[in-house]
Amino acid sequence: MTPIRTHRHPGGLAAVVASVLVATAIAAGTAVADPVASPVGAPAPVPYLDLDRYLGTWNQLAAVPQYFNLLCARDTQATYALDPQGNVSVHNRCTTWVNSLNEITGTATVNDRTTSAQLHVSFPGVPTQDGLEGPTNYIVTALGEAYSWALVTDPSRISGFVLARDRVLDTAQWQQVRHAIDAVGQNSCLYLTSPTTGGRTDIAPLCAVTR
């Protein structure tokens, strides 16, 4: 249920842009944010995730840059649905820097039956993720009102994704998102906004976003 994962290596413009984005995020985190002590233990999931309400399409509005979505230039989306086995099918897609469609399909299984908010996501053919069963790598740590947005990370806090039903969030919602990122022990300056048709078109550190 994480945004685009692929075993293909980025190259050309994507590689250049990726380097710039990572450098920007690290610089922003160093210059703007105060040092934060390393949190102890994995991030806490939301008390309860209603999977039926969570199904459907989400737009990625911000994320900590990861190797697997370097090909994505805009309109990164994840669509979740129940499969015949009772697991969650995952269909991730985005528009690349050369204006083509990049997509991959996988499966998410719930590892935490108490909250349903900790899952293992797998994608066939992707190293370390080729298998339905495995350790938790997807934790829903915060949800907006009426499931309007979600904050997702992993036990090590290396990844981070701001997902939303709509293509835009208002000022109050962005403030809630930043507070949720702080609460989970991450730095909002390391999140970069994700360009979305009909929404934001820039790439900027989330700590600097006001609307």
N, C-alpha and C. Protein backbone atom coordinates (compact mmCIF):
# COMPACT_ATOMS: atom_id res chain seq x y z
N MET A 1 0.82 -1.20 0.00
CA MET A 1 0.00 0.00 0.00
C MET A 1 0.86 1.26 0.00
N THR A 2 2.13 1.09 -0.20
CA THR A 2 2.98 2.25 -0.40
C THR A 2 2.90 2.69 -1.84
N PRO A 3 3.16 3.99 -2.13
CA PRO A 3 3.17 4.40 -3.52
C PRO A 3 4.25 3.69 -4.33
N ILE A 4 4.32 4.02 -5.62
CA ILE A 4 4.95 3.22 -6.67
C ILE A 4 6.25 2.55 -6.22
N ARG A 5 6.30 1.23 -6.38
CA ARG A 5 7.52 0.45 -6.20
C ARG A 5 7.80 -0.27 -7.51
N THR A 6 9.05 -0.25 -7.93
CA THR A 6 9.41 -0.92 -9.18
C THR A 6 10.84 -1.37 -9.11
N HIS A 7 11.16 -2.45 -9.81
CA HIS A 7 12.53 -2.94 -9.83
C HIS A 7 13.34 -2.30 -10.93
N ARG A 8 12.73 -1.47 -11.73
CA ARG A 8 13.46 -0.79 -12.79
C ARG A 8 14.28 0.36 -12.21
N HIS A 9 15.48 0.53 -12.73
CA HIS A 9 16.35 1.58 -12.20
C HIS A 9 16.09 2.90 -12.90
N PRO A 10 16.03 4.01 -12.14
CA PRO A 10 15.82 5.30 -12.76
C PRO A 10 17.06 5.75 -13.50
N GLY A 11 16.87 6.55 -14.53
CA GLY A 11 18.01 7.05 -15.27
C GLY A 11 17.69 8.37 -15.91
N GLY A 12 18.67 9.00 -16.50
CA GLY A 12 18.46 10.26 -17.20
C GLY A 12 17.90 11.33 -16.28
N LEU A 13 16.86 12.01 -16.77
CA LEU A 13 16.28 13.12 -16.04
C LEU A 13 15.79 12.69 -14.66
N ALA A 14 15.21 11.52 -14.55
CA ALA A 14 14.69 11.06 -13.25
C ALA A 14 15.80 10.98 -12.23
N ALA A 15 16.96 10.46 -12.63
CA ALA A 15 18.07 10.33 -11.69
C ALA A 15 18.57 11.70 -11.24
N VAL A 16 18.66 12.64 -12.18
CA VAL A 16 19.11 13.98 -11.83
C VAL A 16 18.14 14.64 -10.86
N VAL A 17 16.86 14.58 -11.20
CA VAL A 17 15.84 15.19 -10.34
C VAL A 17 15.84 14.54 -8.97
N ALA A 18 15.99 13.22 -8.93
CA ALA A 18 15.99 12.52 -7.65
C ALA A 18 17.11 13.03 -6.74
N SER A 19 18.29 13.20 -7.31
CA SER A 19 19.42 13.69 -6.51
C SER A 19 19.13 15.07 -5.95
N VAL A 20 18.54 15.93 -6.78
CA VAL A 20 18.20 17.28 -6.33
C VAL A 20 17.17 17.24 -5.22
N LEU A 21 16.16 16.40 -5.36
CA LEU A 21 15.10 16.32 -4.36
C LEU A 21 15.63 15.83 -3.03
N VAL A 22 16.44 14.81 -3.04
CA VAL A 22 16.98 14.29 -1.80
C VAL A 22 17.87 15.32 -1.13
N ALA A 23 18.71 15.98 -1.91
CA ALA A 23 19.59 17.00 -1.34
C ALA A 23 18.77 18.14 -0.75
N THR A 24 17.70 18.55 -1.45
CA THR A 24 16.85 19.62 -0.94
C THR A 24 16.21 19.24 0.37
N ALA A 25 15.71 18.02 0.45
CA ALA A 25 15.05 17.57 1.67
C ALA A 25 16.02 17.54 2.84
N ILE A 26 17.22 17.01 2.62
CA ILE A 26 18.19 16.92 3.70
C ILE A 26 18.63 18.30 4.14
N ALA A 27 18.86 19.19 3.17
CA ALA A 27 19.25 20.56 3.51
C ALA A 27 18.17 21.25 4.30
N ALA A 28 16.93 21.09 3.88
CA ALA A 28 15.82 21.73 4.58
C ALA A 28 15.72 21.22 6.00
N GLY A 29 15.89 19.92 6.17
CA GLY A 29 15.79 19.36 7.51
C GLY A 29 16.89 19.87 8.40
N THR A 30 18.09 20.03 7.85
CA THR A 30 19.21 20.50 8.64
C THR A 30 19.08 21.96 9.00
N ALA A 31 18.60 22.76 8.05
CA ALA A 31 18.58 24.20 8.25
C ALA A 31 17.37 24.68 9.04
N VAL A 32 16.24 24.01 8.92
CA VAL A 32 15.01 24.53 9.49
C VAL A 32 14.64 23.87 10.80
N ALA A 33 14.81 22.56 10.89
CA ALA A 33 14.29 21.84 12.04
C ALA A 33 15.34 21.71 13.14
N ASP A 34 14.89 21.76 14.37
CA ASP A 34 15.76 21.51 15.50
C ASP A 34 16.03 20.01 15.59
N PRO A 35 17.19 19.62 16.15
CA PRO A 35 17.46 18.20 16.30
C PRO A 35 16.40 17.54 17.17
N VAL A 36 16.01 16.34 16.79
CA VAL A 36 15.01 15.60 17.54
C VAL A 36 15.61 14.28 17.97
N ALA A 37 15.43 13.93 19.22
CA ALA A 37 15.96 12.67 19.72
C ALA A 37 15.31 11.51 18.98
N SER A 38 16.08 10.46 18.74
CA SER A 38 15.55 9.31 18.04
C SER A 38 14.46 8.65 18.86
N PRO A 39 13.27 8.45 18.29
CA PRO A 39 12.19 7.83 19.03
C PRO A 39 12.53 6.38 19.37
N VAL A 40 11.95 5.89 20.44
CA VAL A 40 12.17 4.52 20.85
C VAL A 40 11.01 3.67 20.36
N GLY A 41 11.32 2.56 19.68
CA GLY A 41 10.29 1.67 19.20
C GLY A 41 9.66 2.13 17.91
N ALA A 42 8.81 1.29 17.34
CA ALA A 42 8.13 1.60 16.09
C ALA A 42 7.04 2.63 16.31
N PRO A 43 6.68 3.37 15.27
CA PRO A 43 5.58 4.34 15.39
C PRO A 43 4.28 3.64 15.79
N ALA A 44 3.47 4.32 16.57
CA ALA A 44 2.20 3.75 16.99
C ALA A 44 1.18 3.87 15.86
N PRO A 45 0.43 2.81 15.60
CA PRO A 45 -0.64 2.89 14.59
C PRO A 45 -1.83 3.63 15.16
N VAL A 46 -2.75 4.03 14.31
CA VAL A 46 -4.01 4.59 14.80
C VAL A 46 -4.72 3.50 15.61
N PRO A 47 -5.57 3.88 16.55
CA PRO A 47 -6.23 2.88 17.39
C PRO A 47 -7.03 1.85 16.60
N TYR A 48 -7.62 2.28 15.49
CA TYR A 48 -8.38 1.34 14.67
C TYR A 48 -8.51 1.89 13.26
N LEU A 49 -8.21 1.03 12.29
CA LEU A 49 -8.36 1.39 10.88
C LEU A 49 -9.52 0.59 10.30
N ASP A 50 -10.54 1.29 9.87
CA ASP A 50 -11.68 0.64 9.21
C ASP A 50 -11.28 0.39 7.76
N LEU A 51 -10.91 -0.85 7.45
CA LEU A 51 -10.41 -1.15 6.11
C LEU A 51 -11.44 -0.84 5.02
N ASP A 52 -12.71 -1.06 5.33
CA ASP A 52 -13.74 -0.77 4.32
C ASP A 52 -13.73 0.71 3.94
N ARG A 53 -13.51 1.57 4.92
CA ARG A 53 -13.45 3.01 4.63
C ARG A 53 -12.12 3.40 3.98
N TYR A 54 -11.10 2.62 4.23
CA TYR A 54 -9.78 2.93 3.70
C TYR A 54 -9.62 2.51 2.24
N LEU A 55 -10.46 1.59 1.80
CA LEU A 55 -10.37 1.14 0.41
C LEU A 55 -10.69 2.28 -0.55
N GLY A 56 -10.28 2.11 -1.80
CA GLY A 56 -10.51 3.14 -2.80
C GLY A 56 -9.21 3.80 -3.22
N THR A 57 -9.32 4.95 -3.86
CA THR A 57 -8.15 5.63 -4.41
C THR A 57 -7.68 6.77 -3.52
N TRP A 58 -6.36 6.83 -3.33
CA TRP A 58 -5.72 7.90 -2.57
C TRP A 58 -4.70 8.59 -3.46
N ASN A 59 -4.58 9.90 -3.28
CA ASN A 59 -3.57 10.69 -3.98
C ASN A 59 -2.39 10.93 -3.03
N GLN A 60 -1.18 10.74 -3.52
CA GLN A 60 0.00 11.07 -2.74
C GLN A 60 0.26 12.57 -2.89
N LEU A 61 0.18 13.30 -1.77
CA LEU A 61 0.39 14.75 -1.80
C LEU A 61 1.76 15.15 -1.27
N ALA A 62 2.42 14.25 -0.57
CA ALA A 62 3.78 14.52 -0.09
C ALA A 62 4.40 13.19 0.32
N ALA A 63 5.73 13.13 0.29
CA ALA A 63 6.41 11.89 0.66
C ALA A 63 7.88 12.16 0.95
N VAL A 64 8.47 11.29 1.76
CA VAL A 64 9.92 11.27 1.90
C VAL A 64 10.46 10.58 0.66
N PRO A 65 11.36 11.21 -0.10
CA PRO A 65 11.83 10.61 -1.36
C PRO A 65 12.38 9.20 -1.15
N GLN A 66 11.94 8.27 -1.99
CA GLN A 66 12.39 6.89 -1.95
C GLN A 66 12.83 6.45 -3.35
N TYR A 67 13.71 5.47 -3.40
CA TYR A 67 14.23 5.04 -4.71
C TYR A 67 13.14 4.54 -5.63
N PHE A 68 12.09 3.93 -5.06
CA PHE A 68 11.11 3.28 -5.92
C PHE A 68 10.13 4.24 -6.57
N ASN A 69 10.10 5.51 -6.16
CA ASN A 69 9.20 6.44 -6.85
C ASN A 69 9.95 7.57 -7.54
N LEU A 70 11.22 7.34 -7.84
CA LEU A 70 12.00 8.38 -8.52
C LEU A 70 11.54 8.60 -9.96
N LEU A 71 10.89 7.61 -10.53
CA LEU A 71 10.39 7.76 -11.89
C LEU A 71 9.14 8.63 -11.95
N CYS A 72 8.53 8.86 -10.81
CA CYS A 72 7.23 9.54 -10.78
C CYS A 72 7.39 11.06 -10.80
N ALA A 73 6.80 11.70 -11.79
CA ALA A 73 6.84 13.16 -11.90
C ALA A 73 5.61 13.80 -11.29
N ARG A 74 4.45 13.13 -11.40
CA ARG A 74 3.21 13.71 -10.88
C ARG A 74 2.12 12.64 -10.80
N ASP A 75 1.05 13.00 -10.15
CA ASP A 75 -0.17 12.18 -10.08
C ASP A 75 0.10 10.76 -9.59
N THR A 76 0.79 10.66 -8.47
CA THR A 76 1.02 9.36 -7.85
C THR A 76 -0.21 8.97 -7.06
N GLN A 77 -0.75 7.80 -7.35
CA GLN A 77 -1.98 7.33 -6.71
C GLN A 77 -1.84 5.88 -6.29
N ALA A 78 -2.62 5.53 -5.26
CA ALA A 78 -2.72 4.13 -4.83
C ALA A 78 -4.20 3.79 -4.71
N THR A 79 -4.59 2.66 -5.28
CA THR A 79 -5.97 2.20 -5.21
C THR A 79 -5.99 0.85 -4.50
N TYR A 80 -6.81 0.75 -3.45
CA TYR A 80 -6.90 -0.45 -2.64
C TYR A 80 -8.29 -1.07 -2.79
N ALA A 81 -8.33 -2.40 -2.85
CA ALA A 81 -9.60 -3.12 -2.93
C ALA A 81 -9.42 -4.49 -2.29
N LEU A 82 -10.50 -5.08 -1.83
CA LEU A 82 -10.43 -6.43 -1.28
C LEU A 82 -10.30 -7.43 -2.41
N ASP A 83 -9.41 -8.42 -2.23
CA ASP A 83 -9.27 -9.47 -3.24
C ASP A 83 -10.05 -10.71 -2.80
N PRO A 84 -10.18 -11.71 -3.66
CA PRO A 84 -10.98 -12.90 -3.32
C PRO A 84 -10.48 -13.64 -2.08
N GLN A 85 -9.20 -13.48 -1.72
CA GLN A 85 -8.65 -14.16 -0.56
C GLN A 85 -8.87 -13.38 0.74
N GLY A 86 -9.47 -12.21 0.62
CA GLY A 86 -9.71 -11.40 1.81
C GLY A 86 -8.57 -10.47 2.16
N ASN A 87 -7.54 -10.43 1.32
CA ASN A 87 -6.45 -9.48 1.49
C ASN A 87 -6.78 -8.19 0.73
N VAL A 88 -5.85 -7.25 0.75
CA VAL A 88 -6.06 -5.98 0.06
C VAL A 88 -5.20 -5.93 -1.19
N SER A 89 -5.82 -5.79 -2.34
CA SER A 89 -5.05 -5.61 -3.57
C SER A 89 -4.57 -4.16 -3.63
N VAL A 90 -3.38 -3.99 -4.16
CA VAL A 90 -2.73 -2.68 -4.22
C VAL A 90 -2.39 -2.37 -5.67
N HIS A 91 -2.89 -1.27 -6.18
CA HIS A 91 -2.56 -0.85 -7.54
C HIS A 91 -2.01 0.57 -7.47
N ASN A 92 -0.70 0.68 -7.67
CA ASN A 92 -0.03 1.98 -7.62
C ASN A 92 0.30 2.45 -9.03
N ARG A 93 0.16 3.74 -9.26
CA ARG A 93 0.44 4.28 -10.59
C ARG A 93 0.85 5.75 -10.48
N CYS A 94 1.55 6.21 -11.49
CA CYS A 94 1.93 7.62 -11.56
C CYS A 94 2.29 7.97 -13.00
N THR A 95 2.44 9.25 -13.25
CA THR A 95 2.93 9.74 -14.54
C THR A 95 4.42 10.02 -14.41
N THR A 96 5.21 9.50 -15.35
CA THR A 96 6.66 9.63 -15.27
C THR A 96 7.13 10.97 -15.85
N TRP A 97 8.43 11.18 -15.79
CA TRP A 97 9.03 12.41 -16.32
C TRP A 97 8.96 12.48 -17.84
N VAL A 98 8.74 11.36 -18.49
CA VAL A 98 8.59 11.36 -19.95
C VAL A 98 7.13 11.21 -20.34
N ASN A 99 6.24 11.48 -19.37
CA ASN A 99 4.79 11.53 -19.61
C ASN A 99 4.18 10.17 -19.94
N SER A 100 4.79 9.11 -19.44
CA SER A 100 4.23 7.77 -19.61
C SER A 100 3.64 7.30 -18.29
N LEU A 101 2.90 6.20 -18.34
CA LEU A 101 2.29 5.64 -17.14
C LEU A 101 3.21 4.60 -16.53
N ASN A 102 3.45 4.71 -15.23
CA ASN A 102 4.21 3.71 -14.49
C ASN A 102 3.27 3.11 -13.45
N GLU A 103 3.15 1.79 -13.41
CA GLU A 103 2.22 1.17 -12.48
C GLU A 103 2.73 -0.19 -12.03
N ILE A 104 2.23 -0.63 -10.88
CA ILE A 104 2.60 -1.92 -10.33
C ILE A 104 1.46 -2.38 -9.44
N THR A 105 1.28 -3.69 -9.36
CA THR A 105 0.20 -4.26 -8.56
C THR A 105 0.77 -5.20 -7.51
N GLY A 106 0.25 -5.11 -6.30
CA GLY A 106 0.72 -5.95 -5.21
C GLY A 106 -0.40 -6.32 -4.27
N THR A 107 -0.03 -6.81 -3.09
CA THR A 107 -1.00 -7.27 -2.10
C THR A 107 -0.58 -6.82 -0.72
N ALA A 108 -1.55 -6.42 0.09
CA ALA A 108 -1.30 -6.05 1.48
C ALA A 108 -2.05 -7.02 2.39
N THR A 109 -1.36 -7.50 3.42
CA THR A 109 -1.97 -8.38 4.41
C THR A 109 -1.87 -7.72 5.78
N VAL A 110 -2.91 -7.84 6.56
CA VAL A 110 -2.95 -7.22 7.88
C VAL A 110 -2.13 -8.04 8.87
N ASN A 111 -1.18 -7.41 9.54
CA ASN A 111 -0.36 -8.07 10.55
C ASN A 111 -0.86 -7.82 11.97
N ASP A 112 -1.73 -6.85 12.12
CA ASP A 112 -2.20 -6.44 13.45
C ASP A 112 -3.72 -6.47 13.44
N ARG A 113 -4.28 -7.54 13.96
CA ARG A 113 -5.73 -7.71 13.93
C ARG A 113 -6.43 -6.83 14.96
N THR A 114 -5.70 -6.25 15.89
CA THR A 114 -6.32 -5.38 16.89
C THR A 114 -6.68 -4.03 16.29
N THR A 115 -5.74 -3.44 15.54
CA THR A 115 -5.98 -2.13 14.96
C THR A 115 -6.23 -2.19 13.45
N SER A 116 -5.79 -3.23 12.79
CA SER A 116 -5.84 -3.37 11.32
C SER A 116 -5.01 -2.29 10.62
N ALA A 117 -4.17 -1.59 11.36
CA ALA A 117 -3.43 -0.45 10.81
C ALA A 117 -1.96 -0.75 10.56
N GLN A 118 -1.54 -1.99 10.79
CA GLN A 118 -0.17 -2.40 10.49
C GLN A 118 -0.23 -3.56 9.51
N LEU A 119 0.41 -3.35 8.34
CA LEU A 119 0.29 -4.32 7.26
C LEU A 119 1.64 -4.64 6.64
N HIS A 120 1.67 -5.77 5.94
CA HIS A 120 2.82 -6.13 5.11
C HIS A 120 2.40 -6.00 3.66
N VAL A 121 3.12 -5.19 2.91
CA VAL A 121 2.83 -4.97 1.50
C VAL A 121 3.88 -5.69 0.66
N SER A 122 3.43 -6.46 -0.32
CA SER A 122 4.35 -7.20 -1.18
C SER A 122 4.05 -6.93 -2.65
N PHE A 123 5.12 -6.95 -3.45
CA PHE A 123 5.01 -6.77 -4.89
C PHE A 123 5.82 -7.86 -5.58
N PRO A 124 5.18 -8.66 -6.43
CA PRO A 124 5.89 -9.75 -7.11
C PRO A 124 7.11 -9.24 -7.88
N GLY A 125 8.24 -9.92 -7.69
CA GLY A 125 9.44 -9.58 -8.42
C GLY A 125 10.27 -8.46 -7.83
N VAL A 126 9.76 -7.83 -6.75
CA VAL A 126 10.52 -6.74 -6.11
C VAL A 126 11.35 -7.33 -4.97
N PRO A 127 12.66 -7.15 -4.97
CA PRO A 127 13.52 -7.71 -3.91
C PRO A 127 13.03 -7.31 -2.52
N THR A 128 13.03 -8.27 -1.60
CA THR A 128 12.63 -8.14 -0.20
C THR A 128 11.13 -7.99 -0.03
N GLN A 129 10.37 -7.91 -1.13
CA GLN A 129 8.92 -7.74 -1.00
C GLN A 129 8.15 -8.75 -1.83
N ASP A 130 8.79 -9.84 -2.20
CA ASP A 130 8.14 -10.85 -3.04
C ASP A 130 7.63 -11.98 -2.14
N GLY A 131 6.46 -11.77 -1.55
CA GLY A 131 5.87 -12.78 -0.67
C GLY A 131 4.71 -12.18 0.11
N LEU A 132 3.62 -12.92 0.22
CA LEU A 132 2.43 -12.38 0.88
C LEU A 132 2.62 -12.16 2.37
N GLU A 133 3.47 -12.98 3.00
CA GLU A 133 3.67 -12.86 4.43
C GLU A 133 5.04 -12.27 4.71
N GLY A 134 5.11 -11.43 5.75
CA GLY A 134 6.38 -10.81 6.10
C GLY A 134 6.18 -9.78 7.18
N PRO A 135 7.24 -9.11 7.56
CA PRO A 135 7.16 -8.11 8.63
C PRO A 135 6.37 -6.88 8.19
N THR A 136 5.86 -6.17 9.15
CA THR A 136 5.13 -4.94 8.87
C THR A 136 6.03 -3.94 8.17
N ASN A 137 5.55 -3.36 7.08
CA ASN A 137 6.29 -2.30 6.38
C ASN A 137 5.37 -1.14 6.02
N TYR A 138 4.16 -1.14 6.58
CA TYR A 138 3.18 -0.10 6.26
C TYR A 138 2.35 0.13 7.52
N ILE A 139 2.50 1.31 8.13
CA ILE A 139 1.76 1.64 9.34
C ILE A 139 0.97 2.93 9.12
N VAL A 140 -0.32 2.87 9.30
CA VAL A 140 -1.15 4.07 9.25
C VAL A 140 -1.08 4.70 10.63
N THR A 141 -0.42 5.84 10.73
CA THR A 141 -0.17 6.46 12.04
C THR A 141 -1.12 7.61 12.36
N ALA A 142 -1.82 8.14 11.35
CA ALA A 142 -2.76 9.24 11.60
C ALA A 142 -3.78 9.28 10.47
N LEU A 143 -4.98 9.70 10.83
CA LEU A 143 -6.07 9.83 9.85
C LEU A 143 -6.77 11.15 10.03
N GLY A 144 -7.12 11.79 8.92
CA GLY A 144 -7.90 13.01 8.97
C GLY A 144 -9.37 12.71 9.20
N GLU A 145 -10.13 13.74 9.48
CA GLU A 145 -11.56 13.58 9.70
C GLU A 145 -12.21 12.92 8.48
N ALA A 146 -13.08 11.95 8.73
CA ALA A 146 -13.80 11.24 7.67
C ALA A 146 -12.84 10.58 6.68
N TYR A 147 -11.65 10.20 7.16
CA TYR A 147 -10.66 9.55 6.32
C TYR A 147 -10.31 10.41 5.11
N SER A 148 -10.18 11.72 5.37
CA SER A 148 -9.85 12.65 4.29
C SER A 148 -8.38 12.61 3.92
N TRP A 149 -7.52 12.28 4.89
CA TRP A 149 -6.09 12.12 4.63
C TRP A 149 -5.52 11.07 5.57
N ALA A 150 -4.36 10.57 5.23
CA ALA A 150 -3.70 9.55 6.04
C ALA A 150 -2.20 9.77 6.02
N LEU A 151 -1.56 9.47 7.15
CA LEU A 151 -0.10 9.50 7.24
C LEU A 151 0.38 8.07 7.40
N VAL A 152 1.30 7.67 6.53
CA VAL A 152 1.79 6.29 6.51
C VAL A 152 3.31 6.29 6.63
N THR A 153 3.84 5.39 7.44
CA THR A 153 5.29 5.23 7.54
C THR A 153 5.59 3.76 7.77
N ASP A 154 6.80 3.46 8.21
CA ASP A 154 7.21 2.08 8.47
C ASP A 154 7.86 2.01 9.85
N PRO A 155 8.16 0.82 10.36
CA PRO A 155 8.71 0.71 11.72
C PRO A 155 10.00 1.49 11.93
N SER A 156 10.82 1.66 10.90
CA SER A 156 12.09 2.38 11.05
C SER A 156 11.96 3.87 10.78
N ARG A 157 10.79 4.31 10.33
CA ARG A 157 10.52 5.72 10.00
C ARG A 157 11.34 6.23 8.82
N ILE A 158 11.84 5.34 7.98
CA ILE A 158 12.61 5.76 6.80
C ILE A 158 11.69 6.32 5.73
N SER A 159 10.52 5.72 5.58
CA SER A 159 9.57 6.18 4.58
C SER A 159 8.50 7.05 5.22
N GLY A 160 7.79 7.76 4.38
CA GLY A 160 6.67 8.57 4.86
C GLY A 160 5.84 9.04 3.68
N PHE A 161 4.52 8.91 3.83
CA PHE A 161 3.62 9.28 2.75
C PHE A 161 2.41 10.00 3.30
N VAL A 162 2.06 11.13 2.69
CA VAL A 162 0.82 11.84 2.99
C VAL A 162 -0.14 11.53 1.87
N LEU A 163 -1.20 10.79 2.18
CA LEU A 163 -2.20 10.41 1.20
C LEU A 163 -3.49 11.14 1.47
N ALA A 164 -4.22 11.46 0.43
CA ALA A 164 -5.48 12.19 0.60
C ALA A 164 -6.48 11.76 -0.46
N ARG A 165 -7.75 11.84 -0.09
CA ARG A 165 -8.80 11.50 -1.06
C ARG A 165 -8.88 12.55 -2.16
N ASP A 166 -8.78 13.81 -1.77
CA ASP A 166 -8.81 14.89 -2.75
C ASP A 166 -7.39 15.21 -3.21
N ARG A 167 -7.29 16.06 -4.21
CA ARG A 167 -5.98 16.46 -4.73
C ARG A 167 -5.40 17.66 -4.01
N VAL A 168 -6.16 18.22 -3.08
CA VAL A 168 -5.69 19.37 -2.32
C VAL A 168 -6.08 19.20 -0.86
N LEU A 169 -5.32 19.83 0.03
CA LEU A 169 -5.66 19.95 1.44
C LEU A 169 -5.68 21.43 1.78
N ASP A 170 -6.54 21.82 2.71
CA ASP A 170 -6.57 23.23 3.10
C ASP A 170 -5.51 23.49 4.17
N THR A 171 -5.40 24.75 4.57
CA THR A 171 -4.35 25.15 5.53
C THR A 171 -4.45 24.38 6.83
N ALA A 172 -5.67 24.24 7.35
CA ALA A 172 -5.85 23.53 8.61
C ALA A 172 -5.45 22.07 8.49
N GLN A 173 -5.77 21.45 7.36
CA GLN A 173 -5.41 20.04 7.17
C GLN A 173 -3.89 19.86 7.06
N TRP A 174 -3.21 20.76 6.36
CA TRP A 174 -1.75 20.67 6.28
C TRP A 174 -1.14 20.82 7.66
N GLN A 175 -1.71 21.69 8.47
CA GLN A 175 -1.20 21.85 9.83
C GLN A 175 -1.38 20.57 10.63
N GLN A 176 -2.53 19.92 10.47
CA GLN A 176 -2.77 18.65 11.15
C GLN A 176 -1.77 17.59 10.69
N VAL A 177 -1.49 17.57 9.40
CA VAL A 177 -0.53 16.61 8.86
C VAL A 177 0.85 16.83 9.47
N ARG A 178 1.30 18.08 9.53
CA ARG A 178 2.62 18.36 10.09
C ARG A 178 2.69 17.98 11.56
N HIS A 179 1.61 18.23 12.30
CA HIS A 179 1.58 17.84 13.71
C HIS A 179 1.66 16.32 13.84
N ALA A 180 0.99 15.61 12.94
CA ALA A 180 1.02 14.15 12.97
C ALA A 180 2.43 13.63 12.67
N ILE A 181 3.12 14.28 11.74
CA ILE A 181 4.49 13.89 11.41
C ILE A 181 5.40 14.11 12.61
N ASP A 182 5.25 15.25 13.27
CA ASP A 182 6.04 15.53 14.48
C ASP A 182 5.75 14.49 15.56
N ALA A 183 4.48 14.15 15.72
CA ALA A 183 4.07 13.23 16.78
C ALA A 183 4.64 11.84 16.58
N VAL A 184 4.86 11.46 15.32
CA VAL A 184 5.39 10.12 15.05
C VAL A 184 6.92 10.09 15.11
N GLY A 185 7.53 11.26 15.33
CA GLY A 185 8.98 11.31 15.47
C GLY A 185 9.73 11.51 14.18
N GLN A 186 9.07 12.12 13.19
CA GLN A 186 9.72 12.41 11.92
C GLN A 186 9.86 13.92 11.74
N ASN A 187 10.60 14.30 10.71
CA ASN A 187 10.86 15.70 10.40
C ASN A 187 10.07 16.07 9.15
N SER A 188 9.14 17.00 9.26
CA SER A 188 8.31 17.37 8.11
C SER A 188 9.12 18.02 7.00
N CYS A 189 10.31 18.52 7.29
CA CYS A 189 11.15 19.11 6.25
C CYS A 189 11.70 18.05 5.29
N LEU A 190 11.70 16.79 5.71
CA LEU A 190 12.19 15.73 4.85
C LEU A 190 11.11 15.22 3.91
N TYR A 191 9.87 15.65 4.12
CA TYR A 191 8.79 15.33 3.19
C TYR A 191 8.77 16.38 2.09
N LEU A 192 8.62 15.95 0.85
CA LEU A 192 8.50 16.87 -0.27
C LEU A 192 7.11 16.73 -0.87
N THR A 193 6.52 17.86 -1.25
CA THR A 193 5.20 17.82 -1.88
C THR A 193 5.27 17.09 -3.22
N SER A 194 4.20 16.41 -3.56
CA SER A 194 4.13 15.63 -4.80
C SER A 194 3.21 16.35 -5.80
N PRO A 195 3.71 16.76 -6.95
CA PRO A 195 2.87 17.44 -7.94
C PRO A 195 1.65 16.59 -8.32
N THR A 196 0.51 17.27 -8.38
CA THR A 196 -0.75 16.59 -8.68
C THR A 196 -1.58 17.48 -9.60
N THR A 197 -2.07 16.92 -10.70
CA THR A 197 -2.93 17.67 -11.60
C THR A 197 -4.18 18.12 -10.86
N GLY A 198 -4.43 19.43 -10.87
CA GLY A 198 -5.56 19.96 -10.13
C GLY A 198 -5.22 20.35 -8.71
N GLY A 199 -3.97 20.08 -8.29
CA GLY A 199 -3.52 20.42 -6.95
C GLY A 199 -2.22 21.20 -7.01
N ARG A 200 -1.33 20.95 -6.06
CA ARG A 200 -0.04 21.62 -6.06
C ARG A 200 0.79 21.13 -7.24
N THR A 201 1.55 22.04 -7.84
CA THR A 201 2.41 21.68 -8.95
C THR A 201 3.89 21.81 -8.61
N ASP A 202 4.17 22.27 -7.39
CA ASP A 202 5.56 22.48 -7.00
C ASP A 202 6.08 21.30 -6.19
N ILE A 203 7.39 21.27 -6.00
CA ILE A 203 8.04 20.30 -5.13
C ILE A 203 8.76 21.11 -4.07
N ALA A 204 8.28 21.03 -2.83
CA ALA A 204 8.81 21.86 -1.76
C ALA A 204 8.80 21.09 -0.45
N PRO A 205 9.72 21.43 0.48
CA PRO A 205 9.70 20.79 1.80
C PRO A 205 8.36 21.07 2.49
N LEU A 206 7.78 20.04 3.07
CA LEU A 206 6.46 20.18 3.67
C LEU A 206 6.45 21.16 4.83
N CYS A 207 7.58 21.33 5.51
CA CYS A 207 7.63 22.26 6.64
C CYS A 207 7.42 23.70 6.20
N ALA A 208 7.59 23.98 4.89
CA ALA A 208 7.41 25.33 4.38
C ALA A 208 6.05 25.56 3.76
N VAL A 209 5.21 24.50 3.71
CA VAL A 209 3.90 24.61 3.08
C VAL A 209 2.91 25.23 4.04
N THR A 210 2.21 26.26 3.59
CA THR A 210 1.19 26.92 4.42
C THR A 210 -0.22 26.70 3.90
N ARG A 211 -0.33 26.30 2.63
CA ARG A 211 -1.67 26.05 2.07
C ARG A 211 -1.56 25.12 0.86
